[in-house]
Structure formats: structure tokens, C-alpha cells
PDB file of all heavy atoms in Angstrom:
ATOM      1  N   PRO A   1       1.560   4.522  -2.706  1.00  0.00           N
ATOM      2  CA  PRO A   1       2.415   5.156  -1.689  1.00  0.00           C
ATOM      3  C   PRO A   1       1.826   6.455  -1.142  1.00  0.00           C
ATOM      4  O   PRO A   1       2.289   7.559  -1.425  1.00  0.00           O
ATOM      5  CB  PRO A   1       3.713   5.419  -2.466  1.00  0.00           C
ATOM      6  CG  PRO A   1       3.267   5.611  -3.872  1.00  0.00           C
ATOM      7  CD  PRO A   1       2.087   4.713  -4.065  1.00  0.00           C
ATOM      8  N   GLY A   2       0.782   6.301  -0.341  1.00  0.00           N
ATOM      9  CA  GLY A   2       0.129   7.459   0.261  1.00  0.00           C
ATOM     10  C   GLY A   2      -1.097   7.019   1.035  1.00  0.00           C
ATOM     11  O   GLY A   2      -1.493   5.855   0.981  1.00  0.00           O
ATOM     12  N   PRO A   3      -1.727   7.951   1.762  1.00  0.00           N
ATOM     13  CA  PRO A   3      -2.930   7.609   2.529  1.00  0.00           C
ATOM     14  C   PRO A   3      -4.098   7.281   1.611  1.00  0.00           C
ATOM     15  O   PRO A   3      -4.290   7.935   0.581  1.00  0.00           O
ATOM     16  CB  PRO A   3      -3.219   8.869   3.353  1.00  0.00           C
ATOM     17  CG  PRO A   3      -2.037   9.760   3.191  1.00  0.00           C
ATOM     18  CD  PRO A   3      -1.344   9.360   1.943  1.00  0.00           C
ATOM     19  N   VAL A   4      -4.871   6.261   1.988  1.00  0.00           N
ATOM     20  CA  VAL A   4      -6.036   5.847   1.201  1.00  0.00           C
ATOM     21  C   VAL A   4      -7.204   5.606   2.149  1.00  0.00           C
ATOM     22  O   VAL A   4      -7.063   4.896   3.142  1.00  0.00           O
ATOM     23  CB  VAL A   4      -5.753   4.549   0.410  1.00  0.00           C
ATOM     24  CG1 VAL A   4      -6.963   4.165  -0.437  1.00  0.00           C
ATOM     25  CG2 VAL A   4      -4.520   4.695  -0.474  1.00  0.00           C
ATOM     26  N   LYS A   5      -8.353   6.183   1.832  1.00  0.00           N
ATOM     27  CA  LYS A   5      -9.545   5.952   2.649  1.00  0.00           C
ATOM     28  C   LYS A   5     -10.158   4.596   2.308  1.00  0.00           C
ATOM     29  O   LYS A   5      -9.833   3.986   1.293  1.00  0.00           O
ATOM     30  CB  LYS A   5     -10.553   7.087   2.439  1.00  0.00           C
ATOM     31  CG  LYS A   5     -10.061   8.429   2.973  1.00  0.00           C
ATOM     32  CD  LYS A   5     -11.167   9.471   2.958  1.00  0.00           C
ATOM     33  CE  LYS A   5     -10.681  10.759   3.601  1.00  0.00           C
ATOM     34  NZ  LYS A   5     -11.768  11.780   3.669  1.00  0.00           N
ATOM     35  N   GLU A   6     -11.078   4.164   3.167  1.00  0.00           N
ATOM     36  CA  GLU A   6     -11.639   2.817   3.029  1.00  0.00           C
ATOM     37  C   GLU A   6     -12.354   2.609   1.701  1.00  0.00           C
ATOM     38  O   GLU A   6     -12.386   1.506   1.173  1.00  0.00           O
ATOM     39  CB  GLU A   6     -12.600   2.543   4.190  1.00  0.00           C
ATOM     40  CG  GLU A   6     -12.964   1.081   4.332  1.00  0.00           C
ATOM     41  CD  GLU A   6     -13.716   0.783   5.615  1.00  0.00           C
ATOM     42  OE1 GLU A   6     -13.682   1.608   6.542  1.00  0.00           O
ATOM     43  OE2 GLU A   6     -14.325  -0.295   5.679  1.00  0.00           O
ATOM     44  N   ASP A   7     -12.909   3.681   1.133  1.00  0.00           N
ATOM     45  CA  ASP A   7     -13.637   3.539  -0.133  1.00  0.00           C
ATOM     46  C   ASP A   7     -12.727   3.586  -1.355  1.00  0.00           C
ATOM     47  O   ASP A   7     -13.207   3.551  -2.495  1.00  0.00           O
ATOM     48  CB  ASP A   7     -14.714   4.625  -0.244  1.00  0.00           C
ATOM     49  CG  ASP A   7     -14.123   6.031  -0.372  1.00  0.00           C
ATOM     50  OD1 ASP A   7     -12.896   6.190  -0.222  1.00  0.00           O
ATOM     51  OD2 ASP A   7     -14.904   6.976  -0.631  1.00  0.00           O
ATOM     52  N   GLY A   8     -11.395   3.651  -1.129  1.00  0.00           N
ATOM     53  CA  GLY A   8     -10.458   3.667  -2.250  1.00  0.00           C
ATOM     54  C   GLY A   8     -10.043   5.055  -2.690  1.00  0.00           C
ATOM     55  O   GLY A   8      -9.347   5.208  -3.699  1.00  0.00           O
ATOM     56  N   THR A   9     -10.456   6.073  -1.931  1.00  0.00           N
ATOM     57  CA  THR A   9     -10.051   7.435  -2.258  1.00  0.00           C
ATOM     58  C   THR A   9      -8.615   7.695  -1.822  1.00  0.00           C
ATOM     59  O   THR A   9      -8.274   7.517  -0.642  1.00  0.00           O
ATOM     60  CB  THR A   9     -10.979   8.469  -1.573  1.00  0.00           C
ATOM     61  OG1 THR A   9     -12.304   8.296  -2.058  1.00  0.00           O
ATOM     62  CG2 THR A   9     -10.516   9.893  -1.868  1.00  0.00           C
ATOM     63  N   VAL A  10      -7.775   8.071  -2.754  1.00  0.00           N
ATOM     64  CA  VAL A  10      -6.385   8.415  -2.478  1.00  0.00           C
ATOM     65  C   VAL A  10      -6.334   9.857  -1.984  1.00  0.00           C
ATOM     66  O   VAL A  10      -6.917  10.752  -2.605  1.00  0.00           O
ATOM     67  CB  VAL A  10      -5.537   8.260  -3.758  1.00  0.00           C
ATOM     68  CG1 VAL A  10      -4.122   8.770  -3.533  1.00  0.00           C
ATOM     69  CG2 VAL A  10      -5.509   6.812  -4.215  1.00  0.00           C
ATOM     70  N   VAL A  11      -5.637  10.069  -0.845  1.00  0.00           N
ATOM     71  CA  VAL A  11      -5.539  11.413  -0.272  1.00  0.00           C
ATOM     72  C   VAL A  11      -4.145  11.962  -0.563  1.00  0.00           C
ATOM     73  O   VAL A  11      -3.307  12.120   0.303  1.00  0.00           O
ATOM     74  CB  VAL A  11      -5.822  11.395   1.241  1.00  0.00           C
ATOM     75  CG1 VAL A  11      -5.953  12.822   1.773  1.00  0.00           C
ATOM     76  CG2 VAL A  11      -7.096  10.613   1.541  1.00  0.00           C
ATOM     77  N   LYS A  12      -3.875  12.191  -1.822  1.00  0.00           N
ATOM     78  CA  LYS A  12      -2.604  12.692  -2.342  1.00  0.00           C
ATOM     79  C   LYS A  12      -1.486  11.652  -2.272  1.00  0.00           C
ATOM     80  O   LYS A  12      -1.219  11.086  -1.227  1.00  0.00           O
ATOM     81  CB  LYS A  12      -2.149  13.971  -1.628  1.00  0.00           C
ATOM     82  CG  LYS A  12      -3.018  15.175  -1.923  1.00  0.00           C
ATOM     83  CD  LYS A  12      -2.409  16.444  -1.347  1.00  0.00           C
ATOM     84  CE  LYS A  12      -3.299  17.638  -1.632  1.00  0.00           C
ATOM     85  NZ  LYS A  12      -2.745  18.894  -1.092  1.00  0.00           N
ATOM     86  N   CYS A  13      -0.843  11.416  -3.387  1.00  0.00           N
ATOM     87  CA  CYS A  13       0.378  10.616  -3.490  1.00  0.00           C
ATOM     88  C   CYS A  13       1.408  11.507  -4.162  1.00  0.00           C
ATOM     89  O   CYS A  13       1.473  11.583  -5.398  1.00  0.00           O
ATOM     90  CB  CYS A  13       0.154   9.360  -4.320  1.00  0.00           C
ATOM     91  SG  CYS A  13      -0.862   8.134  -3.511  1.00  0.00           S
ATOM     92  N   VAL A  14       2.207  12.172  -3.349  1.00  0.00           N
ATOM     93  CA  VAL A  14       3.141  13.173  -3.865  1.00  0.00           C
ATOM     94  C   VAL A  14       4.108  12.561  -4.871  1.00  0.00           C
ATOM     95  O   VAL A  14       4.393  13.145  -5.921  1.00  0.00           O
ATOM     96  CB  VAL A  14       3.910  13.837  -2.700  1.00  0.00           C
ATOM     97  CG1 VAL A  14       4.913  14.852  -3.229  1.00  0.00           C
ATOM     98  CG2 VAL A  14       2.935  14.516  -1.748  1.00  0.00           C
ATOM     99  N   ASN A  15       4.614  11.359  -4.578  1.00  0.00           N
ATOM    100  CA  ASN A  15       5.605  10.720  -5.456  1.00  0.00           C
ATOM    101  C   ASN A  15       5.039  10.368  -6.828  1.00  0.00           C
ATOM    102  O   ASN A  15       5.794  10.208  -7.792  1.00  0.00           O
ATOM    103  CB  ASN A  15       6.162   9.451  -4.807  1.00  0.00           C
ATOM    104  CG  ASN A  15       7.005   9.753  -3.585  1.00  0.00           C
ATOM    105  OD1 ASN A  15       7.405  10.892  -3.388  1.00  0.00           O
ATOM    106  ND2 ASN A  15       7.253   8.743  -2.772  1.00  0.00           N
ATOM    107  N   LEU A  16       3.720  10.229  -6.905  1.00  0.00           N
ATOM    108  CA  LEU A  16       3.091   9.865  -8.177  1.00  0.00           C
ATOM    109  C   LEU A  16       2.504  11.079  -8.890  1.00  0.00           C
ATOM    110  O   LEU A  16       2.125  10.984 -10.060  1.00  0.00           O
ATOM    111  CB  LEU A  16       1.979   8.831  -7.944  1.00  0.00           C
ATOM    112  CG  LEU A  16       2.372   7.533  -7.234  1.00  0.00           C
ATOM    113  CD1 LEU A  16       1.157   6.613  -7.127  1.00  0.00           C
ATOM    114  CD2 LEU A  16       3.521   6.825  -7.946  1.00  0.00           C
ATOM    115  N   GLY A  17       2.397  12.187  -8.179  1.00  0.00           N
ATOM    116  CA  GLY A  17       1.778  13.375  -8.750  1.00  0.00           C
ATOM    117  C   GLY A  17       0.274  13.392  -8.610  1.00  0.00           C
ATOM    118  O   GLY A  17      -0.414  14.232  -9.197  1.00  0.00           O
ATOM    119  N   TRP A  18      -0.279  12.442  -7.817  1.00  0.00           N
ATOM    120  CA  TRP A  18      -1.727  12.338  -7.665  1.00  0.00           C
ATOM    121  C   TRP A  18      -2.257  13.294  -6.612  1.00  0.00           C
ATOM    122  O   TRP A  18      -1.626  13.516  -5.573  1.00  0.00           O
ATOM    123  CB  TRP A  18      -2.111  10.917  -7.265  1.00  0.00           C
ATOM    124  CG  TRP A  18      -2.032   9.915  -8.371  1.00  0.00           C
ATOM    125  CD1 TRP A  18      -1.737  10.159  -9.677  1.00  0.00           C
ATOM    126  CD2 TRP A  18      -2.252   8.507  -8.260  1.00  0.00           C
ATOM    127  NE1 TRP A  18      -1.760   8.982 -10.396  1.00  0.00           N
ATOM    128  CE2 TRP A  18      -2.073   7.952  -9.548  1.00  0.00           C
ATOM    129  CE3 TRP A  18      -2.583   7.661  -7.211  1.00  0.00           C
ATOM    130  CZ2 TRP A  18      -2.210   6.598  -9.802  1.00  0.00           C
ATOM    131  CZ3 TRP A  18      -2.728   6.308  -7.460  1.00  0.00           C
ATOM    132  CH2 TRP A  18      -2.544   5.779  -8.756  1.00  0.00           C
ATOM    133  N   GLY A  19      -3.438  13.814  -6.860  1.00  0.00           N
ATOM    134  CA  GLY A  19      -4.156  14.600  -5.862  1.00  0.00           C
ATOM    135  C   GLY A  19      -5.144  13.710  -5.125  1.00  0.00           C
ATOM    136  O   GLY A  19      -4.831  12.567  -4.784  1.00  0.00           O
ATOM    137  N   VAL A  20      -6.363  14.200  -4.915  1.00  0.00           N
ATOM    138  CA  VAL A  20      -7.401  13.442  -4.222  1.00  0.00           C
ATOM    139  C   VAL A  20      -8.408  12.925  -5.243  1.00  0.00           C
ATOM    140  O   VAL A  20      -9.040  13.707  -5.960  1.00  0.00           O
ATOM    141  CB  VAL A  20      -8.114  14.329  -3.173  1.00  0.00           C
ATOM    142  CG1 VAL A  20      -9.204  13.534  -2.462  1.00  0.00           C
ATOM    143  CG2 VAL A  20      -7.118  14.887  -2.169  1.00  0.00           C
ATOM    144  N   PHE A  21      -8.532  11.598  -5.341  1.00  0.00           N
ATOM    145  CA  PHE A  21      -9.534  11.001  -6.237  1.00  0.00           C
ATOM    146  C   PHE A  21      -9.730   9.547  -5.852  1.00  0.00           C
ATOM    147  O   PHE A  21      -8.925   8.960  -5.129  1.00  0.00           O
ATOM    148  CB  PHE A  21      -9.097  11.107  -7.709  1.00  0.00           C
ATOM    149  CG  PHE A  21      -7.992  10.158  -8.100  1.00  0.00           C
ATOM    150  CD1 PHE A  21      -8.254   9.039  -8.882  1.00  0.00           C
ATOM    151  CD2 PHE A  21      -6.680  10.387  -7.692  1.00  0.00           C
ATOM    152  CE1 PHE A  21      -7.230   8.168  -9.252  1.00  0.00           C
ATOM    153  CE2 PHE A  21      -5.651   9.520  -8.061  1.00  0.00           C
ATOM    154  CZ  PHE A  21      -5.935   8.409  -8.844  1.00  0.00           C
ATOM    155  N   ASN A  22     -10.805   8.955  -6.326  1.00  0.00           N
ATOM    156  CA  ASN A  22     -11.108   7.563  -5.994  1.00  0.00           C
ATOM    157  C   ASN A  22     -10.446   6.636  -7.018  1.00  0.00           C
ATOM    158  O   ASN A  22     -10.967   6.420  -8.108  1.00  0.00           O
ATOM    159  CB  ASN A  22     -12.611   7.321  -5.937  1.00  0.00           C
ATOM    160  CG  ASN A  22     -12.938   5.988  -5.275  1.00  0.00           C
ATOM    161  OD1 ASN A  22     -12.419   4.956  -5.673  1.00  0.00           O
ATOM    162  ND2 ASN A  22     -13.782   6.036  -4.255  1.00  0.00           N
ATOM    163  N   ALA A  23      -9.282   6.103  -6.633  1.00  0.00           N
ATOM    164  CA  ALA A  23      -8.504   5.248  -7.542  1.00  0.00           C
ATOM    165  C   ALA A  23      -9.183   3.902  -7.760  1.00  0.00           C
ATOM    166  O   ALA A  23      -9.048   3.294  -8.832  1.00  0.00           O
ATOM    167  CB  ALA A  23      -7.096   5.050  -6.987  1.00  0.00           C
ATOM    168  N   ALA A  24      -9.911   3.414  -6.753  1.00  0.00           N
ATOM    169  CA  ALA A  24     -10.599   2.124  -6.890  1.00  0.00           C
ATOM    170  C   ALA A  24     -11.689   2.218  -7.954  1.00  0.00           C
ATOM    171  O   ALA A  24     -11.824   1.338  -8.811  1.00  0.00           O
ATOM    172  CB  ALA A  24     -11.187   1.696  -5.545  1.00  0.00           C
TER     173      ALA A  24
END
């Protein structure tokens, strides 16, 4: 639930507490 770049990098998921990192 948040913006994701083509390489799988999550650009913050506030609802999950995630910052910026490559989730893939």
C-alpha cells in the first residue's frame, strides 16, 4: 500500500511503517 518503483523499491508505506528500501 504505497508507491513502488519499477525495481521493487518501496517509496514509503506509512500504514506499514516502512521507509524507502528495495522490498523485492
